[in-house]
């Protein structure tokens, strides 16, 4: 996703629809990273598309039990499809990790 193509994307999550982080949990003699995430309060939790900002991602709109997941009926956004640039991580890829 390119931010200039979608000026109404959610600035809080940069179009991902979630906020994700790693929690370190005890594992054997050390610890292990466990990926955690929660819906973005700025868009997905309200049922709005993270990319185009349009409503329509609530379970009532979609006829299923998910809220905040895609695909969006307006732009086609789907869960975990956000802006990849400016999200560096160890392997050079992108993602919603803080």
Protein backbone atom coordinates (compact mmCIF):
# COMPACT_ATOMS: atom_id res chain seq x y z
CA UNK A 1 0.00 0.00 0.00
CA UNK A 2 1.26 3.46 -0.89
CA UNK A 3 0.23 6.30 1.45
CA UNK A 4 -0.04 8.83 -1.37
CA UNK A 5 -2.56 6.64 -3.20
CA UNK A 6 -4.74 6.40 -0.08
CA UNK A 7 -4.83 9.82 1.64
CA UNK A 8 -7.68 8.72 3.96
CA UNK A 9 -5.78 5.75 5.41
CA UNK A 10 -5.74 5.42 9.18
CA UNK A 11 -2.77 7.39 10.50
CA UNK A 12 -2.86 5.57 13.84
CA UNK A 13 -1.94 2.17 12.33
CA UNK A 14 -0.66 3.34 8.90
CA UNK A 15 -3.26 1.24 7.12
CA UNK A 16 -2.60 -2.11 8.83
CA UNK A 17 -5.78 -2.26 10.92
CA UNK A 18 -3.85 -3.61 13.93
CA UNK A 19 -1.18 -2.65 16.40
CA UNK A 20 1.29 -5.48 16.96
CA UNK A 21 4.16 -6.11 19.33
CA UNK A 22 6.21 -8.93 20.81
CA UNK A 23 5.82 -10.04 24.40
CA UNK A 24 8.59 -12.06 25.95
CA UNK A 25 7.36 -15.10 27.86
CA UNK A 26 9.29 -17.65 29.92
CA UNK A 27 10.48 -20.55 27.82
CA UNK A 28 12.78 -23.18 29.23
CA UNK A 29 15.75 -21.48 30.86
CA UNK A 30 15.16 -18.24 28.95
CA UNK A 31 12.35 -16.49 27.17
CA UNK A 32 10.70 -16.45 23.76
CA UNK A 33 9.03 -13.69 21.78
CA UNK A 34 5.31 -14.20 21.36
CA UNK A 35 3.66 -12.01 18.68
CA UNK A 36 0.63 -10.13 20.00
CA UNK A 37 -1.80 -7.78 18.26
CA UNK A 38 -5.04 -5.95 18.79
CA UNK A 39 -7.39 -4.11 16.41
CA UNK A 40 -6.57 -0.47 15.84
CA UNK A 41 -8.91 1.74 17.85
CA UNK A 42 -8.67 4.38 15.12
CA UNK A 43 -10.25 2.28 12.38
CA UNK A 44 -10.74 -1.48 12.63
CA UNK A 45 -12.35 -1.47 16.06
CA UNK A 46 -14.86 1.06 14.72
CA UNK A 47 -15.50 -1.01 11.58
CA UNK A 48 -13.82 1.42 9.19
CA UNK A 49 -11.37 0.42 6.47
CA UNK A 50 -7.74 1.05 7.43
CA UNK A 51 -6.87 2.02 3.84
CA UNK A 52 -9.76 4.11 2.46
CA UNK A 53 -11.51 5.07 5.72
CA UNK A 54 -14.95 3.95 4.54
CA UNK A 55 -17.31 2.13 6.92
CA UNK A 56 -18.27 -1.44 6.15
CA UNK A 57 -15.99 -3.80 8.02
CA UNK A 58 -18.31 -4.64 10.91
CA UNK A 59 -19.87 -8.06 11.31
CA UNK A 60 -23.32 -6.61 10.61
CA UNK A 61 -22.12 -5.13 7.31
CA UNK A 62 -20.32 -8.28 6.24
CA UNK A 63 -22.73 -10.92 7.53
CA UNK A 64 -20.09 -12.79 9.51
CA UNK A 65 -18.55 -12.70 12.97
CA UNK A 66 -15.40 -10.69 12.20
CA UNK A 67 -15.02 -6.98 12.76
CA UNK A 68 -12.15 -5.05 11.25
CA UNK A 69 -11.01 -7.72 8.80
CA UNK A 70 -11.40 -7.27 5.07
CA UNK A 71 -11.92 -7.35 2.31
CA UNK A 72 -13.24 -3.82 2.05
CA UNK A 73 -16.13 -3.47 -0.38
CA UNK A 74 -14.86 -0.06 -1.50
CA UNK A 75 -11.12 -0.49 -2.08
CA UNK A 76 -10.37 -4.21 -1.56
CA UNK A 77 -8.17 -3.75 1.52
CA UNK A 78 -7.72 -6.94 3.50
CA UNK A 79 -6.35 -7.65 6.97
CA UNK A 80 -2.61 -7.00 7.33
CA UNK A 81 -2.27 -5.00 4.10
CA UNK A 82 -0.68 -1.73 5.21
CA UNK A 83 2.11 0.66 4.31
CA UNK A 84 5.39 -1.24 4.18
CA UNK A 85 7.87 1.60 3.79
CA UNK A 86 9.19 3.19 6.98
CA UNK A 87 8.60 -0.04 8.97
CA UNK A 88 12.13 -1.45 9.17
CA UNK A 89 12.76 -4.72 10.91
CA UNK A 90 15.61 -7.18 11.16
CA UNK A 91 15.04 -8.82 7.78
CA UNK A 92 14.42 -5.57 5.86
CA UNK A 93 10.71 -6.23 5.37
CA UNK A 94 7.79 -4.25 6.65
CA UNK A 95 4.95 -4.70 9.05
CA UNK A 96 2.91 -3.19 11.84
CA UNK A 97 5.46 -4.05 14.54
CA UNK A 98 6.26 -1.30 17.02
